[in-house]
Amino acid sequence: MESSIVELSKYRYQTAIENLETARLNYREGMFKQAVNRSYYSIFHAIRALTALDGFDSGKHSGIISYFNKTYVKEGIFDKSTS
């Protein structure tokens, strides 16, 4: 696998981790809407980190979600409840 793809995946995963920490901080401060928003983006960037390893990306959130469902949920790699 190309090292640039792996580096992109790592970068996106780090972004997911940072968003998750921000969500936790927002939650502790009672900023619940922001906590939900950062949680969503944490999951989104984690999925993009995974799909980068497949060489897939999309300009739309729906494209990423659709690819994840088709490639990982439908194939049984992730449980349907994950989707």
PDB file of N, CA and C in Angstrom:
ATOM      1  N   MET A   1       0.850  -1.175   0.000  1.00  0.00           N
ATOM      2  CA  MET A   1       0.000   0.000   0.000  1.00  0.00           C
ATOM      3  C   MET A   1       0.896   1.238   0.000  1.00  0.00           C
ATOM      4  N   GLU A   2       0.516   2.213  -0.768  1.00  0.00           N
ATOM      5  CA  GLU A   2       1.300   3.437  -0.859  1.00  0.00           C
ATOM      6  C   GLU A   2       1.385   4.124   0.492  1.00  0.00           C
ATOM      7  N   SER A   3       2.549   4.622   0.819  1.00  0.00           N
ATOM      8  CA  SER A   3       2.712   5.279   2.114  1.00  0.00           C
ATOM      9  C   SER A   3       1.874   6.550   2.213  1.00  0.00           C
ATOM     10  N   SER A   4       1.629   7.217   1.076  1.00  0.00           N
ATOM     11  CA  SER A   4       0.811   8.435   1.118  1.00  0.00           C
ATOM     12  C   SER A   4      -0.634   8.113   1.507  1.00  0.00           C
ATOM     13  N   ILE A   5      -1.130   6.964   1.098  1.00  0.00           N
ATOM     14  CA  ILE A   5      -2.487   6.538   1.470  1.00  0.00           C
ATOM     15  C   ILE A   5      -2.540   6.253   2.962  1.00  0.00           C
ATOM     16  N   VAL A   6      -1.525   5.564   3.466  1.00  0.00           N
ATOM     17  CA  VAL A   6      -1.467   5.250   4.895  1.00  0.00           C
ATOM     18  C   VAL A   6      -1.354   6.539   5.711  1.00  0.00           C
ATOM     19  N   GLU A   7      -0.542   7.470   5.252  1.00  0.00           N
ATOM     20  CA  GLU A   7      -0.401   8.752   5.952  1.00  0.00           C
ATOM     21  C   GLU A   7      -1.717   9.525   5.952  1.00  0.00           C
ATOM     22  N   LEU A   8      -2.432   9.509   4.833  1.00  0.00           N
ATOM     23  CA  LEU A   8      -3.743  10.166   4.767  1.00  0.00           C
ATOM     24  C   LEU A   8      -4.698   9.531   5.762  1.00  0.00           C
ATOM     25  N   SER A   9      -4.708   8.217   5.823  1.00  0.00           N
ATOM     26  CA  SER A   9      -5.565   7.514   6.762  1.00  0.00           C
ATOM     27  C   SER A   9      -5.216   7.881   8.200  1.00  0.00           C
ATOM     28  N   LYS A  10      -3.942   7.915   8.517  1.00  0.00           N
ATOM     29  CA  LYS A  10      -3.504   8.288   9.870  1.00  0.00           C
ATOM     30  C   LYS A  10      -3.917   9.713  10.212  1.00  0.00           C
ATOM     31  N   TYR A  11      -3.772  10.610   9.250  1.00  0.00           N
ATOM     32  CA  TYR A  11      -4.168  12.007   9.457  1.00  0.00           C
ATOM     33  C   TYR A  11      -5.669  12.104   9.753  1.00  0.00           C
ATOM     34  N   ARG A  12      -6.463  11.397   8.979  1.00  0.00           N
ATOM     35  CA  ARG A  12      -7.917  11.428   9.191  1.00  0.00           C
ATOM     36  C   ARG A  12      -8.292  10.799  10.530  1.00  0.00           C
ATOM     37  N   TYR A  13      -7.595   9.729  10.906  1.00  0.00           N
ATOM     38  CA  TYR A  13      -7.865   9.098  12.193  1.00  0.00           C
ATOM     39  C   TYR A  13      -7.502  10.049  13.338  1.00  0.00           C
ATOM     40  N   GLN A  14      -6.393  10.744  13.215  1.00  0.00           N
ATOM     41  CA  GLN A  14      -6.012  11.725  14.241  1.00  0.00           C
ATOM     42  C   GLN A  14      -7.049  12.829  14.335  1.00  0.00           C
ATOM     43  N   THR A  15      -7.593  13.251  13.207  1.00  0.00           N
ATOM     44  CA  THR A  15      -8.662  14.245  13.203  1.00  0.00           C
ATOM     45  C   THR A  15      -9.880  13.700  13.943  1.00  0.00           C
ATOM     46  N   ALA A  16     -10.188  12.438  13.738  1.00  0.00           N
ATOM     47  CA  ALA A  16     -11.314  11.807  14.441  1.00  0.00           C
ATOM     48  C   ALA A  16     -11.086  11.825  15.948  1.00  0.00           C
ATOM     49  N   ILE A  17      -9.880  11.495  16.371  1.00  0.00           N
ATOM     50  CA  ILE A  17      -9.538  11.487  17.797  1.00  0.00           C
ATOM     51  C   ILE A  17      -9.666  12.895  18.389  1.00  0.00           C
ATOM     52  N   GLU A  18      -9.185  13.891  17.669  1.00  0.00           N
ATOM     53  CA  GLU A  18      -9.276  15.274  18.136  1.00  0.00           C
ATOM     54  C   GLU A  18     -10.730  15.721  18.259  1.00  0.00           C
ATOM     55  N   ASN A  19     -11.555  15.346  17.279  1.00  0.00           N
ATOM     56  CA  ASN A  19     -12.971  15.695  17.342  1.00  0.00           C
ATOM     57  C   ASN A  19     -13.655  15.006  18.518  1.00  0.00           C
ATOM     58  N   LEU A  20     -13.277  13.780  18.801  1.00  0.00           N
ATOM     59  CA  LEU A  20     -13.857  13.060  19.935  1.00  0.00           C
ATOM     60  C   LEU A  20     -13.495  13.734  21.254  1.00  0.00           C
ATOM     61  N   GLU A  21     -12.261  14.152  21.379  1.00  0.00           N
ATOM     62  CA  GLU A  21     -11.854  14.857  22.605  1.00  0.00           C
ATOM     63  C   GLU A  21     -12.608  16.176  22.748  1.00  0.00           C
ATOM     64  N   THR A  22     -12.770  16.889  21.653  1.00  0.00           N
ATOM     65  CA  THR A  22     -13.542  18.129  21.694  1.00  0.00           C
ATOM     66  C   THR A  22     -14.987  17.846  22.094  1.00  0.00           C
ATOM     67  N   ALA A  23     -15.555  16.765  21.582  1.00  0.00           N
ATOM     68  CA  ALA A  23     -16.926  16.381  21.947  1.00  0.00           C
ATOM     69  C   ALA A  23     -17.024  16.131  23.449  1.00  0.00           C
ATOM     70  N   ARG A  24     -16.035  15.444  24.004  1.00  0.00           N
ATOM     71  CA  ARG A  24     -16.025  15.174  25.447  1.00  0.00           C
ATOM     72  C   ARG A  24     -15.961  16.472  26.245  1.00  0.00           C
ATOM     73  N   LEU A  25     -15.103  17.379  25.815  1.00  0.00           N
ATOM     74  CA  LEU A  25     -14.992  18.668  26.502  1.00  0.00           C
ATOM     75  C   LEU A  25     -16.300  19.447  26.401  1.00  0.00           C
ATOM     76  N   ASN A  26     -16.886  19.474  25.217  1.00  0.00           N
ATOM     77  CA  ASN A  26     -18.169  20.167  25.033  1.00  0.00           C
ATOM     78  C   ASN A  26     -19.239  19.577  25.936  1.00  0.00           C
ATOM     79  N   TYR A  27     -19.277  18.269  26.015  1.00  0.00           N
ATOM     80  CA  TYR A  27     -20.268  17.580  26.839  1.00  0.00           C
ATOM     81  C   TYR A  27     -20.098  17.961  28.320  1.00  0.00           C
ATOM     82  N   ARG A  28     -18.859  17.927  28.791  1.00  0.00           N
ATOM     83  CA  ARG A  28     -18.584  18.282  30.200  1.00  0.00           C
ATOM     84  C   ARG A  28     -19.000  19.707  30.523  1.00  0.00           C
ATOM     85  N   GLU A  29     -18.919  20.580  29.514  1.00  0.00           N
ATOM     86  CA  GLU A  29     -19.287  21.984  29.709  1.00  0.00           C
ATOM     87  C   GLU A  29     -20.779  22.237  29.467  1.00  0.00           C
ATOM     88  N   GLY A  30     -21.529  21.185  29.184  1.00  0.00           N
ATOM     89  CA  GLY A  30     -22.967  21.338  28.954  1.00  0.00           C
ATOM     90  C   GLY A  30     -23.312  21.848  27.573  1.00  0.00           C
ATOM     91  N   MET A  31     -22.365  21.815  26.665  1.00  0.00           N
ATOM     92  CA  MET A  31     -22.588  22.280  25.295  1.00  0.00           C
ATOM     93  C   MET A  31     -22.984  21.066  24.454  1.00  0.00           C
ATOM     94  N   PHE A  32     -24.218  20.627  24.643  1.00  0.00           N
ATOM     95  CA  PHE A  32     -24.657  19.349  24.107  1.00  0.00           C
ATOM     96  C   PHE A  32     -24.786  19.321  22.581  1.00  0.00           C
ATOM     97  N   LYS A  33     -25.282  20.398  21.994  1.00  0.00           N
ATOM     98  CA  LYS A  33     -25.379  20.434  20.527  1.00  0.00           C
ATOM     99  C   LYS A  33     -23.991  20.345  19.893  1.00  0.00           C
ATOM    100  N   GLN A  34     -23.038  21.063  20.456  1.00  0.00           N
ATOM    101  CA  GLN A  34     -21.670  21.009  19.935  1.00  0.00           C
ATOM    102  C   GLN A  34     -21.050  19.640  20.169  1.00  0.00           C
ATOM    103  N   ALA A  35     -21.383  19.016  21.311  1.00  0.00           N
ATOM    104  CA  ALA A  35     -20.866  17.675  21.598  1.00  0.00           C
ATOM    105  C   ALA A  35     -21.375  16.677  20.562  1.00  0.00           C
ATOM    106  N   VAL A  36     -22.650  16.780  20.211  1.00  0.00           N
ATOM    107  CA  VAL A  36     -23.219  15.890  19.194  1.00  0.00           C
ATOM    108  C   VAL A  36     -22.553  16.147  17.843  1.00  0.00           C
ATOM    109  N   ASN A  37     -22.368  17.412  17.509  1.00  0.00           N
ATOM    110  CA  ASN A  37     -21.735  17.768  16.240  1.00  0.00           C
ATOM    111  C   ASN A  37     -20.316  17.204  16.150  1.00  0.00           C
ATOM    112  N   ARG A  38     -19.512  17.402  17.176  1.00  0.00           N
ATOM    113  CA  ARG A  38     -18.136  16.900  17.169  1.00  0.00           C
ATOM    114  C   ARG A  38     -18.103  15.378  17.194  1.00  0.00           C
ATOM    115  N   SER A  39     -19.075  14.751  17.869  1.00  0.00           N
ATOM    116  CA  SER A  39     -19.155  13.281  17.873  1.00  0.00           C
ATOM    117  C   SER A  39     -19.414  12.766  16.467  1.00  0.00           C
ATOM    118  N   TYR A  40     -20.360  13.410  15.772  1.00  0.00           N
ATOM    119  CA  TYR A  40     -20.661  13.022  14.391  1.00  0.00           C
ATOM    120  C   TYR A  40     -19.395  13.112  13.541  1.00  0.00           C
ATOM    121  N   TYR A  41     -18.686  14.238  13.640  1.00  0.00           N
ATOM    122  CA  TYR A  41     -17.503  14.418  12.810  1.00  0.00           C
ATOM    123  C   TYR A  41     -16.380  13.470  13.212  1.00  0.00           C
ATOM    124  N   SER A  42     -16.321  13.093  14.469  1.00  0.00           N
ATOM    125  CA  SER A  42     -15.344  12.095  14.887  1.00  0.00           C
ATOM    126  C   SER A  42     -15.594  10.772  14.165  1.00  0.00           C
ATOM    127  N   ILE A  43     -16.833  10.344  14.155  1.00  0.00           N
ATOM    128  CA  ILE A  43     -17.200   9.100  13.469  1.00  0.00           C
ATOM    129  C   ILE A  43     -16.960   9.238  11.969  1.00  0.00           C
ATOM    130  N   PHE A  44     -17.363  10.361  11.410  1.00  0.00           N
ATOM    131  CA  PHE A  44     -17.209  10.588   9.977  1.00  0.00           C
ATOM    132  C   PHE A  44     -15.737  10.501   9.551  1.00  0.00           C
ATOM    133  N   HIS A  45     -14.862  11.167  10.310  1.00  0.00           N
ATOM    134  CA  HIS A  45     -13.444  11.150   9.944  1.00  0.00           C
ATOM    135  C   HIS A  45     -12.817   9.771  10.181  1.00  0.00           C
ATOM    136  N   ALA A  46     -13.307   9.052  11.166  1.00  0.00           N
ATOM    137  CA  ALA A  46     -12.815   7.681  11.378  1.00  0.00           C
ATOM    138  C   ALA A  46     -13.187   6.795  10.190  1.00  0.00           C
ATOM    139  N   ILE A  47     -14.409   6.956   9.693  1.00  0.00           N
ATOM    140  CA  ILE A  47     -14.827   6.190   8.519  1.00  0.00           C
ATOM    141  C   ILE A  47     -14.009   6.607   7.295  1.00  0.00           C
ATOM    142  N   ARG A  48     -13.748   7.897   7.150  1.00  0.00           N
ATOM    143  CA  ARG A  48     -12.923   8.360   6.029  1.00  0.00           C
ATOM    144  C   ARG A  48     -11.500   7.833   6.127  1.00  0.00           C
ATOM    145  N   ALA A  49     -10.995   7.661   7.351  1.00  0.00           N
ATOM    146  CA  ALA A  49      -9.663   7.062   7.535  1.00  0.00           C
ATOM    147  C   ALA A  49      -9.666   5.639   7.004  1.00  0.00           C
ATOM    148  N   LEU A  50     -10.735   4.919   7.298  1.00  0.00           N
ATOM    149  CA  LEU A  50     -10.870   3.538   6.825  1.00  0.00           C
ATOM    150  C   LEU A  50     -11.008   3.481   5.305  1.00  0.00           C
ATOM    151  N   THR A  51     -11.881   4.307   4.756  1.00  0.00           N
ATOM    152  CA  THR A  51     -12.117   4.251   3.312  1.00  0.00           C
ATOM    153  C   THR A  51     -10.901   4.735   2.509  1.00  0.00           C
ATOM    154  N   ALA A  52     -10.066   5.569   3.124  1.00  0.00           N
ATOM    155  CA  ALA A  52      -8.838   6.008   2.447  1.00  0.00           C
ATOM    156  C   ALA A  52      -7.954   4.807   2.130  1.00  0.00           C
ATOM    157  N   LEU A  53      -7.948   3.833   3.024  1.00  0.00           N
ATOM    158  CA  LEU A  53      -7.137   2.630   2.805  1.00  0.00           C
ATOM    159  C   LEU A  53      -7.630   1.821   1.612  1.00  0.00           C
ATOM    160  N   ASP A  54      -8.906   2.023   1.250  1.00  0.00           N
ATOM    161  CA  ASP A  54      -9.477   1.385   0.057  1.00  0.00           C
ATOM    162  C   ASP A  54      -9.263   2.241  -1.196  1.00  0.00           C
ATOM    163  N   GLY A  55      -8.737   3.446  -1.003  1.00  0.00           N
ATOM    164  CA  GLY A  55      -8.574   4.359  -2.126  1.00  0.00           C
ATOM    165  C   GLY A  55      -9.868   5.056  -2.495  1.00  0.00           C
ATOM    166  N   PHE A  56     -10.827   5.092  -1.559  1.00  0.00           N
ATOM    167  CA  PHE A  56     -12.125   5.705  -1.836  1.00  0.00           C
ATOM    168  C   PHE A  56     -12.268   6.997  -1.062  1.00  0.00           C
ATOM    169  N   ASP A  57     -12.873   7.998  -1.710  1.00  0.00           N
ATOM    170  CA  ASP A  57     -13.275   9.232  -1.047  1.00  0.00           C
ATOM    171  C   ASP A  57     -14.469   9.793  -1.803  1.00  0.00           C
ATOM    172  N   SER A  58     -15.183  10.659  -1.150  1.00  0.00           N
ATOM    173  CA  SER A  58     -16.344  11.299  -1.763  1.00  0.00           C
ATOM    174  C   SER A  58     -16.439  12.711  -1.229  1.00  0.00           C
ATOM    175  N   GLY A  59     -16.944  13.601  -2.047  1.00  0.00           N
ATOM    176  CA  GLY A  59     -17.151  14.982  -1.632  1.00  0.00           C
ATOM    177  C   GLY A  59     -18.396  15.174  -0.791  1.00  0.00           C
ATOM    178  N   LYS A  60     -19.188  14.119  -0.669  1.00  0.00           N
ATOM    179  CA  LYS A  60     -20.442  14.213   0.087  1.00  0.00           C
ATOM    180  C   LYS A  60     -20.441  13.205   1.226  1.00  0.00           C
ATOM    181  N   HIS A  61     -21.025  13.610   2.316  1.00  0.00           N
ATOM    182  CA  HIS A  61     -21.150  12.701   3.455  1.00  0.00           C
ATOM    183  C   HIS A  61     -21.944  11.463   3.065  1.00  0.00           C
ATOM    184  N   SER A  62     -22.986  11.650   2.283  1.00  0.00           N
ATOM    185  CA  SER A  62     -23.826  10.516   1.886  1.00  0.00           C
ATOM    186  C   SER A  62     -23.032   9.490   1.077  1.00  0.00           C
ATOM    187  N   GLY A  63     -22.063   9.945   0.294  1.00  0.00           N
ATOM    188  CA  GLY A  63     -21.234   9.031  -0.482  1.00  0.00           C
ATOM    189  C   GLY A  63     -20.351   8.177   0.407  1.00  0.00           C
ATOM    190  N   ILE A  64     -19.779   8.793   1.439  1.00  0.00           N
ATOM    191  CA  ILE A  64     -18.946   8.063   2.395  1.00  0.00           C
ATOM    192  C   ILE A  64     -19.786   7.045   3.149  1.00  0.00           C
ATOM    193  N   ILE A  65     -20.942   7.466   3.624  1.00  0.00           N
ATOM    194  CA  ILE A  65     -21.828   6.588   4.391  1.00  0.00           C
ATOM    195  C   ILE A  65     -22.299   5.426   3.528  1.00  0.00           C
ATOM    196  N   SER A  66     -22.678   5.709   2.297  1.00  0.00           N
ATOM    197  CA  SER A  66     -23.140   4.668   1.378  1.00  0.00           C
ATOM    198  C   SER A  66     -22.040   3.642   1.113  1.00  0.00           C
ATOM    199  N   TYR A  67     -20.830   4.122   0.861  1.00  0.00           N
ATOM    200  CA  TYR A  67     -19.702   3.225   0.607  1.00  0.00           C
ATOM    201  C   TYR A  67     -19.413   2.362   1.832  1.00  0.00           C
ATOM    202  N   PHE A  68     -19.430   2.968   3.004  1.00  0.00           N
ATOM    203  CA  PHE A  68     -19.199   2.227   4.240  1.00  0.00           C
ATOM    204  C   PHE A  68     -20.252   1.133   4.417  1.00  0.00           C
ATOM    205  N   ASN A  69     -21.506   1.484   4.206  1.00  0.00           N
ATOM    206  CA  ASN A  69     -22.576   0.493   4.352  1.00  0.00           C
ATOM    207  C   ASN A  69     -22.425  -0.650   3.351  1.00  0.00           C
ATOM    208  N   LYS A  70     -22.139  -0.300   2.107  1.00  0.00           N
ATOM    209  CA  LYS A  70     -22.015  -1.309   1.054  1.00  0.00           C
ATOM    210  C   LYS A  70     -20.793  -2.200   1.257  1.00  0.00           C
ATOM    211  N   THR A  71     -19.687  -1.598   1.638  1.00  0.00           N
ATOM    212  CA  THR A  71     -18.426  -2.329   1.708  1.00  0.00           C
ATOM    213  C   THR A  71     -18.201  -3.028   3.044  1.00  0.00           C
ATOM    214  N   TYR A  72     -18.627  -2.417   4.105  1.00  0.00           N
ATOM    215  CA  TYR A  72     -18.291  -2.948   5.427  1.00  0.00           C
ATOM    216  C   TYR A  72     -19.477  -3.534   6.190  1.00  0.00           C
ATOM    217  N   VAL A  73     -20.633  -2.900   6.070  1.00  0.00           N
ATOM    218  CA  VAL A  73     -21.803  -3.413   6.802  1.00  0.00           C
ATOM    219  C   VAL A  73     -22.423  -4.584   6.047  1.00  0.00           C
ATOM    220  N   LYS A  74     -22.674  -4.388   4.770  1.00  0.00           N
ATOM    221  CA  LYS A  74     -23.300  -5.448   3.974  1.00  0.00           C
ATOM    222  C   LYS A  74     -22.438  -6.711   3.942  1.00  0.00           C
ATOM    223  N   GLU A  75     -21.127  -6.548   3.950  1.00  0.00           N
ATOM    224  CA  GLU A  75     -20.213  -7.685   3.916  1.00  0.00           C
ATOM    225  C   GLU A  75     -19.998  -8.311   5.292  1.00  0.00           C
ATOM    226  N   GLY A  76     -20.608  -7.722   6.321  1.00  0.00           N
ATOM    227  CA  GLY A  76     -20.541  -8.291   7.668  1.00  0.00           C
ATOM    228  C   GLY A  76     -19.290  -7.935   8.461  1.00  0.00           C
ATOM    229  N   ILE A  77     -18.493  -7.010   7.971  1.00  0.00           N
ATOM    230  CA  ILE A  77     -17.282  -6.599   8.683  1.00  0.00           C
ATOM    231  C   ILE A  77     -17.661  -5.784   9.918  1.00  0.00           C
ATOM    232  N   PHE A  78     -18.670  -4.924   9.755  1.00  0.00           N
ATOM    233  CA  PHE A  78     -19.254  -4.191  10.868  1.00  0.00           C
ATOM    234  C   PHE A  78     -20.705  -4.595  10.996  1.00  0.00           C
ATOM    235  N   ASP A  79     -21.198  -4.631  12.215  1.00  0.00           N
ATOM    236  CA  ASP A  79     -22.602  -4.966  12.469  1.00  0.00           C
ATOM    237  C   ASP A  79     -23.503  -3.843  11.944  1.00  0.00           C
ATOM    238  N   LYS A  80     -24.697  -4.199  11.536  1.00  0.00           N
ATOM    239  CA  LYS A  80     -25.647  -3.226  10.994  1.00  0.00           C
ATOM    240  C   LYS A  80     -25.930  -2.105  11.998  1.00  0.00           C
ATOM    241  N   SER A  81     -25.895  -2.432  13.284  1.00  0.00           N
ATOM    242  CA  SER A  81     -26.154  -1.409  14.305  1.00  0.00           C
ATOM    243  C   SER A  81     -25.095  -0.303  14.277  1.00  0.00           C
ATOM    244  N   THR A  82     -23.908  -0.607  13.744  1.00  0.00           N
ATOM    245  CA  THR A  82     -22.847   0.391  13.620  1.00  0.00           C
ATOM    246  C   THR A  82     -23.253   1.478  12.639  1.00  0.00           C
ATOM    247  N   SER A  83     -23.951   1.087  11.610  1.00  0.00           N
ATOM    248  CA  SER A  83     -24.358   2.027  10.572  1.00  0.00           C
ATOM    249  C   SER A  83     -25.411   2.975  11.101  1.00  0.00           C
TER     250      SER A  83
END
